[in-house]
N, C-alpha and C. Protein backbone atom coordinates (compact mmCIF):
# COMPACT_ATOMS: atom_id res chain seq x y z
N UNK A 1 78.60 140.24 130.75
CA UNK A 1 77.71 139.31 130.43
C UNK A 1 77.45 139.51 128.79
N UNK A 2 77.62 138.22 127.68
CA UNK A 2 77.65 138.63 126.24
C UNK A 2 75.87 138.98 126.18
N UNK A 3 75.02 139.42 126.33
CA UNK A 3 73.67 140.32 126.19
C UNK A 3 73.98 139.77 124.61
N UNK A 4 73.72 140.00 123.30
CA UNK A 4 73.29 139.95 122.43
C UNK A 4 72.81 138.84 121.98
N UNK A 5 71.63 138.36 120.93
CA UNK A 5 71.79 136.74 120.77
C UNK A 5 72.60 136.60 120.00
N UNK A 6 73.52 137.45 118.79
CA UNK A 6 74.35 136.66 117.98
C UNK A 6 76.16 137.24 118.75
N UNK A 7 76.01 137.81 119.83
CA UNK A 7 77.33 138.02 120.38
C UNK A 7 78.22 136.77 120.73
N UNK A 8 79.34 137.14 120.88
CA UNK A 8 79.79 135.66 121.60
C UNK A 8 79.91 135.31 122.57
N UNK A 9 78.90 134.00 123.39
CA UNK A 9 78.30 133.44 124.03
C UNK A 9 79.63 133.71 124.87
N UNK A 10 79.06 133.02 126.55
CA UNK A 10 80.46 133.03 127.82
C UNK A 10 80.63 131.88 127.19
N UNK A 11 80.35 130.32 126.84
CA UNK A 11 80.79 129.54 126.54
C UNK A 11 82.11 129.40 126.02
N UNK A 12 81.84 130.05 124.80
CA UNK A 12 82.83 130.06 123.34
C UNK A 12 83.47 130.96 123.82
N UNK A 13 83.52 132.29 124.60
CA UNK A 13 84.59 132.78 125.45
C UNK A 13 86.05 132.22 126.16
N UNK A 14 84.77 131.40 126.91
CA UNK A 14 85.78 130.63 128.01
C UNK A 14 86.65 129.48 127.45
N UNK A 15 86.28 128.90 125.68
CA UNK A 15 87.12 128.03 125.34
C UNK A 15 88.38 128.40 124.46
N UNK A 16 87.89 129.91 123.86
CA UNK A 16 88.95 130.47 123.24
C UNK A 16 89.74 130.88 124.71
N UNK A 17 89.93 131.54 125.53
CA UNK A 17 90.39 131.93 126.26
C UNK A 17 91.39 130.73 126.69
N UNK A 18 90.60 129.93 127.00
CA UNK A 18 91.76 128.07 127.22
C UNK A 18 93.18 128.27 126.05
N UNK A 19 92.35 128.64 125.04
CA UNK A 19 93.00 128.39 124.06
C UNK A 19 94.38 129.05 123.67
N UNK A 20 93.96 130.29 123.72
CA UNK A 20 94.44 131.47 124.38
C UNK A 20 95.59 131.22 125.28
N UNK A 21 95.42 130.90 125.88
CA UNK A 21 96.73 130.89 127.60
C UNK A 21 97.45 129.52 127.25
N UNK A 22 97.13 128.62 126.44
CA UNK A 22 97.45 127.35 126.01
C UNK A 22 98.72 127.84 125.32
N UNK A 23 98.01 128.52 124.05
CA UNK A 23 99.40 128.92 123.09
C UNK A 23 99.48 130.12 123.52
N UNK A 24 99.85 130.91 124.82
CA UNK A 24 100.56 132.08 125.18
C UNK A 24 100.40 133.11 124.04
N UNK A 25 99.33 133.06 123.99
CA UNK A 25 98.72 134.67 123.28
C UNK A 25 99.05 135.99 123.67
N UNK A 26 99.64 136.89 122.94
CA UNK A 26 100.18 138.09 123.34
C UNK A 26 99.62 139.41 122.72
N UNK A 27 99.47 139.10 121.74
CA UNK A 27 99.24 139.77 120.47
C UNK A 27 98.15 139.40 120.03
N UNK A 28 96.71 140.29 120.00
CA UNK A 28 95.49 139.61 119.57
C UNK A 28 94.72 140.94 119.11
N UNK A 29 94.44 140.38 117.76
CA UNK A 29 93.65 140.78 116.79
C UNK A 29 92.16 140.84 117.00
N UNK A 30 90.89 141.61 116.97
CA UNK A 30 89.80 141.31 117.42
C UNK A 30 89.01 141.91 116.35
N UNK A 31 88.04 141.40 115.31
CA UNK A 31 87.35 142.19 114.29
C UNK A 31 86.16 141.89 115.22
N UNK A 32 85.39 143.05 115.94
CA UNK A 32 84.12 143.36 116.26
C UNK A 32 83.97 143.81 117.85
N UNK A 33 84.15 144.78 118.27
CA UNK A 33 84.49 144.92 119.60
C UNK A 33 83.29 145.23 120.60
N UNK A 34 83.32 144.90 121.73
CA UNK A 34 82.12 144.81 122.76
C UNK A 34 82.44 143.94 124.26
N UNK A 35 81.81 142.90 124.60
CA UNK A 35 82.21 142.26 125.55
C UNK A 35 83.73 141.37 125.93
N UNK A 36 83.27 140.92 124.51
CA UNK A 36 84.56 140.27 124.47
C UNK A 36 85.96 141.06 124.36
N UNK A 37 85.88 142.42 124.45
CA UNK A 37 87.06 143.29 124.17
C UNK A 37 87.26 143.39 126.05
N UNK A 38 86.39 143.48 126.78
CA UNK A 38 86.38 143.83 128.03
C UNK A 38 87.20 142.36 128.90
N UNK A 39 86.35 141.25 128.04
CA UNK A 39 86.90 140.21 129.03
C UNK A 39 88.64 139.94 128.09
N UNK A 40 88.89 140.55 127.59
CA UNK A 40 89.85 140.43 126.97
C UNK A 40 91.18 141.12 127.60
N UNK A 41 90.63 142.02 127.74
CA UNK A 41 91.11 143.04 128.84
C UNK A 41 92.19 142.64 130.26
N UNK A 42 90.94 142.42 130.64
CA UNK A 42 91.12 141.83 132.13
C UNK A 42 91.67 140.27 132.54
N UNK A 43 91.35 139.51 131.51
CA UNK A 43 91.84 138.21 131.57
C UNK A 43 93.28 138.20 130.95
N UNK A 44 94.28 139.26 130.16
CA UNK A 44 95.48 139.19 129.66
C UNK A 44 96.20 140.19 129.63
N UNK A 45 96.21 140.75 130.93
CA UNK A 45 96.79 142.15 131.33
C UNK A 45 98.19 141.96 130.76
N UNK A 46 99.31 141.26 130.30
CA UNK A 46 100.28 141.54 129.72
C UNK A 46 99.62 141.12 127.95
N UNK A 47 98.85 141.73 128.02
CA UNK A 47 98.86 141.00 126.37
C UNK A 47 98.45 142.75 125.26
N UNK A 48 98.82 142.64 124.20
CA UNK A 48 98.18 143.57 123.19
C UNK A 48 96.91 143.42 122.68
N UNK A 49 96.26 144.23 122.41
CA UNK A 49 94.75 144.04 121.71
C UNK A 49 94.14 145.30 120.66
N UNK A 50 94.35 145.13 119.89
CA UNK A 50 93.34 145.82 118.96
C UNK A 50 91.79 145.68 118.44
N UNK A 51 91.10 145.95 118.80
CA UNK A 51 89.86 145.52 118.78
C UNK A 51 88.97 146.52 117.44
N UNK A 52 88.37 146.09 115.91
CA UNK A 52 88.04 147.27 115.36
C UNK A 52 86.59 146.74 115.56
N UNK A 53 86.14 148.34 115.23
CA UNK A 53 84.67 148.48 115.46
C UNK A 53 84.30 149.18 114.42
N UNK A 54 83.09 148.97 113.50
CA UNK A 54 82.42 149.82 112.36
C UNK A 54 82.02 150.93 112.73
N UNK A 55 81.33 151.07 114.05
CA UNK A 55 79.89 151.54 114.00
C UNK A 55 80.60 152.89 115.88
N UNK A 56 80.16 154.29 115.31
CA UNK A 56 80.63 154.89 116.29
C UNK A 56 80.35 155.01 117.25
N UNK A 57 78.90 154.46 117.90
CA UNK A 57 78.23 154.33 118.76
C UNK A 57 78.69 153.52 119.89
N UNK A 58 78.96 152.02 119.19
CA UNK A 58 79.54 150.98 119.73
C UNK A 58 81.02 151.13 120.15
N UNK A 59 81.37 151.61 119.27
CA UNK A 59 82.94 152.07 119.40
C UNK A 59 83.35 152.85 120.77
N UNK A 60 82.46 153.98 120.80
CA UNK A 60 82.62 154.95 121.77
C UNK A 60 81.91 153.59 122.74
N UNK A 61 81.37 153.34 123.14
CA UNK A 61 80.24 152.56 124.12
C UNK A 61 81.57 151.55 124.70
N UNK A 62 82.34 151.06 123.77
CA UNK A 62 83.28 150.25 124.52
C UNK A 62 84.52 150.47 125.29
N UNK A 63 84.98 151.90 124.38
CA UNK A 63 86.32 152.69 124.85
C UNK A 63 85.52 153.64 126.33
N UNK A 64 84.73 153.62 126.36
CA UNK A 64 84.20 154.25 128.03
C UNK A 64 84.05 152.91 128.97
N UNK A 65 83.50 151.88 128.57
CA UNK A 65 83.40 150.78 129.37
C UNK A 65 84.51 150.35 129.63
N UNK A 66 85.93 150.09 128.76
CA UNK A 66 87.44 149.75 129.07
C UNK A 66 87.91 150.93 129.95
N UNK A 67 87.52 152.37 129.93
CA UNK A 67 87.96 153.42 130.92
C UNK A 67 87.70 152.87 132.53
N UNK A 68 86.15 151.86 132.35
CA UNK A 68 86.08 152.21 133.98
C UNK A 68 85.91 150.78 134.31
N UNK A 69 86.15 150.05 133.54
CA UNK A 69 86.22 148.36 134.14
C UNK A 69 87.14 147.54 133.13
N UNK A 70 88.28 147.76 132.55
CA UNK A 70 89.18 147.15 131.72
C UNK A 70 89.91 146.96 132.66
N UNK A 71 91.00 146.05 132.27
CA UNK A 71 92.08 145.27 133.18
C UNK A 71 93.08 146.22 132.45
N UNK A 72 94.06 145.29 132.91
CA UNK A 72 95.22 145.45 132.50
C UNK A 72 96.45 145.53 131.05
N UNK A 73 95.54 144.65 129.81
CA UNK A 73 96.03 144.56 129.13
C UNK A 73 95.98 146.27 127.94
N UNK A 74 96.89 146.28 127.06
CA UNK A 74 97.18 147.37 126.24
C UNK A 74 96.25 147.39 125.28
N UNK A 75 94.98 148.35 125.14
CA UNK A 75 93.56 147.89 123.95
C UNK A 75 93.63 149.09 123.19
N UNK A 76 93.37 149.23 122.27
CA UNK A 76 92.79 150.35 121.61
C UNK A 76 91.87 149.39 120.51
N UNK A 77 91.11 150.83 121.07
CA UNK A 77 89.82 150.27 119.91
C UNK A 77 89.85 151.28 118.99
N UNK A 78 89.92 150.67 117.77
CA UNK A 78 90.09 151.89 116.49
C UNK A 78 88.88 151.31 115.82
N UNK A 79 88.08 152.69 115.68
CA UNK A 79 86.84 152.89 114.34
C UNK A 79 87.33 152.36 113.01
N UNK A 80 86.81 151.84 112.37
CA UNK A 80 87.04 151.17 110.71
C UNK A 80 85.71 151.19 110.34
N UNK A 81 85.20 152.42 109.81
CA UNK A 81 83.95 151.65 108.85
C UNK A 81 84.34 150.82 107.98
N UNK A 82 82.86 150.45 107.38
CA UNK A 82 82.29 148.81 106.27
C UNK A 82 82.97 149.70 105.17
N UNK A 83 83.30 149.30 104.31
CA UNK A 83 84.19 149.63 102.51
C UNK A 83 83.81 148.89 102.03
N UNK A 84 84.16 148.84 101.18
CA UNK A 84 83.95 148.03 99.89
C UNK A 84 85.21 148.27 99.64
N UNK A 85 86.18 146.63 99.22
CA UNK A 85 87.54 146.33 98.92
C UNK A 85 87.74 144.91 97.86
N UNK A 86 89.05 145.15 97.52
CA UNK A 86 89.32 143.81 96.66
C UNK A 86 89.77 142.90 97.49
N UNK A 87 90.30 141.71 97.23
CA UNK A 87 90.96 140.92 97.45
C UNK A 87 91.07 139.93 96.72
N UNK A 88 92.08 139.46 95.75
CA UNK A 88 92.37 138.90 94.79
C UNK A 88 91.23 138.79 93.78
N UNK A 89 90.57 138.15 93.28
CA UNK A 89 89.70 138.15 92.94
C UNK A 89 88.42 138.99 93.29
N UNK A 90 88.03 138.69 94.37
CA UNK A 90 86.86 139.34 95.33
C UNK A 90 86.74 140.67 95.39
N UNK A 91 85.00 140.73 95.89
CA UNK A 91 85.13 142.65 96.07
C UNK A 91 84.07 142.09 97.43
N UNK A 92 84.47 142.58 98.60
CA UNK A 92 84.24 142.49 99.54
C UNK A 92 83.47 143.84 100.77
N UNK A 93 82.57 143.93 101.24
CA UNK A 93 82.23 145.11 102.39
C UNK A 93 82.86 144.90 103.46
N UNK A 94 83.73 145.04 104.07
CA UNK A 94 84.42 144.67 105.60
C UNK A 94 84.85 145.68 106.43
N UNK A 95 85.48 145.98 107.47
CA UNK A 95 86.21 146.79 107.92
C UNK A 95 87.14 147.10 107.40
N UNK A 96 86.85 148.28 107.20
CA UNK A 96 88.13 149.81 106.55
C UNK A 96 89.76 148.84 106.82
N UNK A 97 90.12 148.82 105.79
CA UNK A 97 91.85 148.22 106.18
C UNK A 97 92.61 149.42 106.26
N UNK A 98 93.11 149.14 107.08
CA UNK A 98 94.48 149.76 107.73
C UNK A 98 95.33 149.13 109.00
N UNK A 99 96.58 149.51 109.55
CA UNK A 99 97.45 149.08 110.07
C UNK A 99 97.45 148.08 111.16
N UNK A 100 98.01 146.77 111.12
CA UNK A 100 98.24 145.67 112.30
C UNK A 100 99.58 145.97 113.19
N UNK A 101 99.56 145.06 114.48
CA UNK A 101 100.79 145.21 115.11
C UNK A 101 101.19 143.63 114.11
N UNK A 102 102.75 143.96 114.71
CA UNK A 102 103.60 142.36 113.67
C UNK A 102 103.42 141.69 114.67
N UNK A 103 103.12 140.37 114.22
CA UNK A 103 103.65 139.13 115.02
C UNK A 103 102.48 138.81 116.11
N UNK A 104 100.92 139.08 115.15
CA UNK A 104 100.21 138.71 115.37
C UNK A 104 99.76 137.67 116.50
N UNK A 105 99.44 136.94 117.70
CA UNK A 105 99.70 135.75 118.06
C UNK A 105 97.93 134.60 117.50
N UNK A 106 97.03 135.60 117.71
CA UNK A 106 95.16 135.66 117.76
C UNK A 106 94.68 136.39 117.16
N UNK A 107 93.94 135.79 116.46
CA UNK A 107 92.85 136.52 115.51
C UNK A 107 91.70 136.25 115.51
N UNK A 108 90.37 136.73 116.85
CA UNK A 108 89.50 136.77 116.53
C UNK A 108 88.26 137.06 115.50
N UNK A 109 87.25 137.09 115.22
CA UNK A 109 86.29 136.88 114.33
C UNK A 109 85.08 137.26 114.57
N UNK A 110 84.28 138.41 115.39
CA UNK A 110 82.84 138.49 115.68
C UNK A 110 82.39 139.10 114.63
N UNK A 111 82.66 139.79 113.81
CA UNK A 111 82.11 141.09 112.97
C UNK A 111 82.37 140.74 111.60
N UNK A 112 82.23 141.46 110.84
CA UNK A 112 81.09 142.38 111.14
C UNK A 112 79.94 141.61 110.80
N UNK A 113 79.17 142.27 110.80
CA UNK A 113 77.72 141.51 110.49
C UNK A 113 77.48 140.96 109.37
N UNK A 114 75.93 139.61 109.54
CA UNK A 114 76.14 139.19 108.40
C UNK A 114 75.51 139.39 106.72
N UNK A 115 74.66 140.58 107.48
CA UNK A 115 74.63 141.47 106.37
C UNK A 115 75.68 141.80 105.02
N UNK A 116 76.75 141.90 105.40
CA UNK A 116 77.78 142.51 104.24
C UNK A 116 77.99 141.11 103.91
N UNK A 117 77.32 140.33 103.77
CA UNK A 117 77.54 138.58 103.26
C UNK A 117 79.00 138.34 103.35
N UNK A 118 79.97 138.32 102.71
CA UNK A 118 81.33 137.71 103.29
C UNK A 118 82.58 138.84 103.98
N UNK A 119 81.72 139.33 104.39
CA UNK A 119 82.44 140.47 105.49
C UNK A 119 83.60 140.09 105.86
N UNK A 120 83.40 138.92 106.92
CA UNK A 120 84.24 138.50 108.14
C UNK A 120 85.17 137.66 106.68
N UNK A 121 85.31 136.76 105.93
CA UNK A 121 86.01 136.74 105.09
C UNK A 121 86.99 137.51 104.96
N UNK A 122 86.85 139.05 104.51
CA UNK A 122 87.96 139.63 104.10
C UNK A 122 88.51 139.94 105.32
N UNK A 123 88.17 139.89 106.23
CA UNK A 123 89.18 140.28 107.92
C UNK A 123 90.22 139.13 107.45
N UNK A 124 90.44 138.04 107.44
CA UNK A 124 91.56 137.40 107.20
C UNK A 124 92.63 137.61 106.29
N UNK A 125 92.22 138.12 105.17
CA UNK A 125 92.81 138.17 103.62
C UNK A 125 93.56 140.42 104.19
N UNK A 126 93.15 140.90 105.24
CA UNK A 126 93.20 142.19 105.81
C UNK A 126 94.55 141.84 106.98
N UNK A 127 94.76 140.90 107.71
CA UNK A 127 95.93 140.61 108.65
C UNK A 127 96.43 139.05 109.03
N UNK A 128 95.97 138.30 107.86
CA UNK A 128 97.04 137.36 107.52
C UNK A 128 98.65 137.24 108.08
N UNK A 129 98.79 138.58 106.71
CA UNK A 129 100.37 138.47 106.69
C UNK A 129 101.47 139.28 108.00
N UNK A 130 100.41 139.61 109.26
CA UNK A 130 101.17 140.08 109.67
C UNK A 130 100.92 138.87 110.86
N UNK A 131 100.45 137.88 111.21
CA UNK A 131 100.18 136.73 111.43
C UNK A 131 101.08 136.29 111.84
N UNK A 132 101.96 135.61 113.17
CA UNK A 132 103.18 135.13 112.79
C UNK A 132 102.79 133.25 112.43
N UNK A 133 103.41 132.33 112.12
CA UNK A 133 103.51 131.20 112.69
C UNK A 133 102.65 130.65 113.76
N UNK A 134 102.10 130.10 113.30
CA UNK A 134 101.64 129.15 114.60
C UNK A 134 100.36 130.12 114.99
N UNK A 135 99.81 131.39 114.36
CA UNK A 135 98.87 132.17 114.97
C UNK A 135 97.49 131.52 114.86
N UNK A 136 96.65 131.34 115.54
CA UNK A 136 95.52 130.96 116.18
C UNK A 136 94.54 131.92 115.43
N UNK A 137 93.44 131.06 114.79
CA UNK A 137 92.37 132.20 114.36
C UNK A 137 91.25 132.14 114.39
N UNK A 138 90.52 132.20 114.81
CA UNK A 138 89.01 132.00 115.89
C UNK A 138 87.81 132.66 114.61
N UNK A 139 86.60 131.75 114.33
CA UNK A 139 85.67 132.37 113.87
C UNK A 139 84.52 132.14 114.71
N UNK A 140 83.67 133.13 114.77
CA UNK A 140 82.30 132.68 115.64
C UNK A 140 81.19 132.61 114.85
N UNK A 141 80.23 132.13 115.27
CA UNK A 141 79.07 131.32 114.43
C UNK A 141 78.81 130.62 113.32
N UNK A 142 80.27 129.75 113.82
CA UNK A 142 80.48 128.59 112.74
C UNK A 142 79.29 127.05 112.35
N UNK A 143 78.09 127.87 113.75
CA UNK A 143 76.99 126.80 112.85
C UNK A 143 76.32 126.82 111.69
N UNK A 144 76.44 128.54 111.19
CA UNK A 144 75.83 128.99 110.11
C UNK A 144 76.41 128.12 108.94
N UNK A 145 75.44 127.82 107.71
CA UNK A 145 76.39 128.04 106.42
C UNK A 145 77.38 129.07 105.96
N UNK A 146 77.20 129.95 106.32
CA UNK A 146 77.95 131.26 105.61
C UNK A 146 79.32 131.34 106.30
N UNK A 147 79.15 130.93 107.51
CA UNK A 147 80.44 131.11 108.43
C UNK A 147 81.35 129.59 107.52
N UNK A 148 80.21 128.61 107.10
CA UNK A 148 81.32 127.45 106.90
C UNK A 148 81.54 127.20 105.55
N UNK A 149 81.17 128.40 104.58
CA UNK A 149 81.65 128.86 103.35
C UNK A 149 82.89 129.73 103.46
N UNK A 150 83.11 130.54 104.31
CA UNK A 150 84.37 131.58 104.60
C UNK A 150 84.87 130.17 105.10
N UNK A 151 85.39 129.20 105.97
CA UNK A 151 86.71 128.88 105.99
C UNK A 151 86.80 127.83 104.77
N UNK A 152 86.15 126.97 104.08
CA UNK A 152 86.41 126.91 102.62
C UNK A 152 86.90 127.42 101.94
N UNK A 153 86.75 128.76 101.74
CA UNK A 153 87.23 129.87 101.16
C UNK A 153 88.40 130.45 101.59
N UNK A 154 88.61 130.30 102.26
CA UNK A 154 90.29 130.01 103.28
C UNK A 154 91.07 129.65 102.84
N UNK A 155 90.59 128.57 103.28
CA UNK A 155 91.69 127.09 103.21
C UNK A 155 92.05 127.23 101.30
N UNK A 156 91.05 127.21 100.89
CA UNK A 156 91.45 127.28 99.05
C UNK A 156 92.42 128.80 98.92
N UNK A 157 92.03 130.07 99.38
CA UNK A 157 93.36 130.97 99.39
C UNK A 157 94.43 130.64 99.77
N UNK A 158 94.59 130.10 100.94
CA UNK A 158 95.79 129.53 101.66
C UNK A 158 95.95 128.28 101.85
N UNK A 159 96.28 127.38 100.66
CA UNK A 159 95.93 125.92 101.04
C UNK A 159 97.09 125.22 101.56
N UNK A 160 98.47 126.10 101.49
CA UNK A 160 99.12 125.46 102.15
C UNK A 160 100.49 126.25 103.27
N UNK A 161 99.07 127.11 103.64
CA UNK A 161 99.39 128.11 104.67
C UNK A 161 98.60 128.31 105.80
N UNK A 162 97.86 127.64 105.65
CA UNK A 162 96.37 127.42 106.38
C UNK A 162 95.98 125.99 106.99
N UNK A 163 95.44 125.89 108.17
CA UNK A 163 95.00 124.93 108.53
C UNK A 163 93.60 124.73 109.21
N UNK A 164 92.79 123.89 108.93
CA UNK A 164 91.67 123.60 110.31
C UNK A 164 92.00 122.88 111.25
N UNK A 165 92.15 122.95 112.32
CA UNK A 165 92.07 122.82 113.89
C UNK A 165 91.29 121.98 114.47
N UNK A 166 89.67 122.52 114.75
CA UNK A 166 88.57 121.86 115.50
C UNK A 166 87.88 123.27 115.26
N UNK A 167 86.63 122.62 115.73
CA UNK A 167 85.03 123.40 116.41
C UNK A 167 84.76 123.15 117.56
N UNK A 168 85.13 124.12 118.38
CA UNK A 168 84.54 124.37 119.81
C UNK A 168 82.70 124.28 119.76
N UNK A 169 82.54 123.63 119.94
CA UNK A 169 81.03 123.19 119.89
C UNK A 169 80.32 123.77 121.16
N UNK A 170 80.17 125.03 120.99
CA UNK A 170 79.63 125.61 122.36
C UNK A 170 78.84 126.91 121.83
N UNK A 171 77.78 127.68 122.31
CA UNK A 171 76.96 129.00 121.92
C UNK A 171 76.83 128.34 120.38
N UNK A 172 77.41 129.09 120.08
CA UNK A 172 76.98 129.14 118.42
C UNK A 172 78.07 128.45 117.41
N UNK A 173 79.14 128.10 118.38
CA UNK A 173 80.20 127.02 117.66
C UNK A 173 81.41 128.32 117.28
N UNK A 174 82.51 127.57 117.73
CA UNK A 174 83.76 128.28 116.64
C UNK A 174 84.68 127.71 116.02
N UNK A 175 85.03 127.99 114.60
CA UNK A 175 85.67 127.40 114.42
C UNK A 175 87.36 128.26 114.50
N UNK A 176 88.65 126.86 114.66
CA UNK A 176 90.09 127.02 114.92
C UNK A 176 90.55 126.72 113.91
N UNK A 177 91.57 127.92 113.61
CA UNK A 177 92.45 127.36 112.47
C UNK A 177 93.76 127.66 113.05
N UNK A 178 94.65 127.24 111.91
CA UNK A 178 96.06 127.73 112.57
C UNK A 178 96.70 128.09 111.27
N UNK A 179 97.96 129.33 111.41
CA UNK A 179 98.11 129.74 110.18
C UNK A 179 99.78 128.93 110.14
N UNK A 180 99.98 127.82 109.13
CA UNK A 180 101.07 127.19 109.41
C UNK A 180 102.17 127.14 108.24
N UNK A 181 101.99 128.48 107.75
CA UNK A 181 102.73 129.61 106.58
C UNK A 181 103.05 130.82 106.37
N UNK A 182 103.66 131.27 105.23
CA UNK A 182 103.85 132.76 104.72
C UNK A 182 103.24 132.62 103.56
N UNK A 183 102.10 133.88 103.17
CA UNK A 183 102.38 133.81 102.25
C UNK A 183 101.56 135.89 102.12
N UNK A 184 101.73 136.82 101.46
CA UNK A 184 101.12 137.77 102.06
C UNK A 184 99.92 138.23 101.19
N UNK A 185 99.44 137.61 100.15
CA UNK A 185 98.03 137.91 99.78
C UNK A 185 97.73 136.23 99.71
N UNK A 186 96.31 136.04 99.14
CA UNK A 186 95.58 135.33 98.96
C UNK A 186 95.68 134.88 97.58
N UNK A 187 95.47 133.68 97.55
CA UNK A 187 95.98 132.96 95.77
C UNK A 187 94.65 133.01 95.08
N UNK A 188 94.71 133.31 94.35
CA UNK A 188 93.57 133.31 93.02
C UNK A 188 92.90 132.30 92.97
N UNK A 189 91.74 133.01 93.16
CA UNK A 189 91.04 130.86 93.08
C UNK A 189 89.61 131.61 92.35
N UNK A 190 89.60 131.03 91.68
CA UNK A 190 87.99 131.36 90.74
C UNK A 190 86.59 130.79 91.50
N UNK A 191 86.66 129.69 92.19
CA UNK A 191 85.80 129.55 93.11
C UNK A 191 85.17 130.26 94.41
N UNK A 192 86.62 131.04 94.75
CA UNK A 192 86.55 131.99 96.09
C UNK A 192 85.67 133.26 94.79
N UNK A 193 86.11 133.55 94.02
CA UNK A 193 85.73 135.10 93.15
C UNK A 193 84.37 134.32 92.89
N UNK A 194 83.74 133.64 92.00
CA UNK A 194 82.32 133.40 91.52
C UNK A 194 81.36 133.33 93.32
N UNK A 195 81.80 132.86 94.26
CA UNK A 195 81.14 133.04 95.21
C UNK A 195 81.20 134.52 95.79
N UNK A 196 82.17 135.26 95.70
CA UNK A 196 81.81 136.52 96.24
C UNK A 196 80.73 137.37 95.47
N UNK A 197 80.97 136.99 94.31
CA UNK A 197 80.12 137.58 93.12
C UNK A 197 78.62 137.10 93.04
N UNK A 198 78.35 136.15 93.77
CA UNK A 198 76.77 135.34 94.11
C UNK A 198 76.59 136.33 95.47
N UNK A 199 77.41 136.33 95.96
CA UNK A 199 77.35 137.07 97.59
C UNK A 199 76.51 138.43 97.19
N UNK A 200 77.52 139.12 96.03
CA UNK A 200 77.18 140.47 96.54
C UNK A 200 76.34 140.81 95.27
N UNK A 201 75.98 139.80 94.31
CA UNK A 201 74.51 140.01 93.72
C UNK A 201 73.27 140.03 94.86
N UNK A 202 73.71 139.10 95.37
CA UNK A 202 72.36 138.82 96.81
C UNK A 202 72.03 139.86 96.97
N UNK A 203 73.09 140.43 97.39
CA UNK A 203 72.68 141.58 98.28
C UNK A 203 71.81 142.64 97.70
N UNK A 204 72.31 143.04 96.58
CA UNK A 204 71.83 144.05 95.91
C UNK A 204 70.73 143.85 95.44
N UNK A 205 70.16 142.13 94.86
CA UNK A 205 69.07 141.96 94.79
C UNK A 205 68.03 142.43 96.17
N UNK A 206 68.82 141.81 97.22
CA UNK A 206 67.84 142.36 97.79
C UNK A 206 67.35 144.10 98.31
N UNK A 207 68.15 144.91 98.10
CA UNK A 207 68.10 145.65 98.67
C UNK A 207 67.32 146.65 97.33
N UNK A 208 67.35 146.39 96.23
CA UNK A 208 66.33 146.60 95.23
C UNK A 208 65.26 145.92 95.70
N UNK A 209 64.54 145.10 96.17
CA UNK A 209 63.25 144.85 96.45
C UNK A 209 63.13 145.14 98.02
N UNK A 210 63.74 145.49 98.44
CA UNK A 210 63.53 146.66 100.05
C UNK A 210 62.75 147.54 99.45
N UNK A 211 63.51 148.31 98.19
CA UNK A 211 63.13 149.68 98.28
C UNK A 211 62.22 149.91 97.53
N UNK A 212 61.48 148.67 96.60
CA UNK A 212 60.50 148.80 95.61
C UNK A 212 59.30 148.54 96.51
N UNK A 213 59.53 147.71 97.64
CA UNK A 213 58.14 147.23 98.49
C UNK A 213 57.06 148.80 98.96
C-alpha cells in the first residue's frame, strides 16, 4: 500500500503500470524508492529496475522489503545522497549523479522531495542520454505548480527531443512525456537558468529565516 500522503498513489501506479505494459518496458529507472519499487519488482518479473534513494534509512528499508516480498525483476536500490550539481546554466540539489543502464525504456520520477526546489528537474538531465527513443517519462505530483514548471523547463531544454503526451488525472496526477530525439545534454535556456537561480535564492532565504527565528 502507498501509505504516505505524497507517495505515488494506487491509481497513479496502476495507470503507469498499464502504460509500461503497453510500451513493453523492460529497463526502468526510478527516482525515489519505496512501495512502487516493490510493486515494479512483482509486476514486471523480467525487467531490470534501478531505484535511486537519497536517505540511508529508506534505502535499507526498501532493500529489506525486497528480500522479503519482492518479485522476479532484477532490482538494484542505489543510495545516492542529495548533492549540488550543474546542468547547462542551472544549479540543482538532487540525487548524486552516477551510472545508469543503457537503453532505458521508462523513467519514473517521484523524488527528491519538493524541499530541493527543482531537484526533480535534474533527474531527467542525468538519465536522458541513457534513454532510448520512445522511452516514457512519468513525473508524479503534476497537480503542483512546481512540477508543471519542471515540465515546461524540460521542454525548453529538449525542444525537439521530448514531447508531452498526456496527464494521468488520478491521485496527485502524473505527467507523461516521451523521448523522440537524441541529445546528450540539455540546451542552454536563459529562462531555465533564471528559474533555477530564483528557486535557489528562495531556498537560501528560507534557511536564513528559519535560522534566525
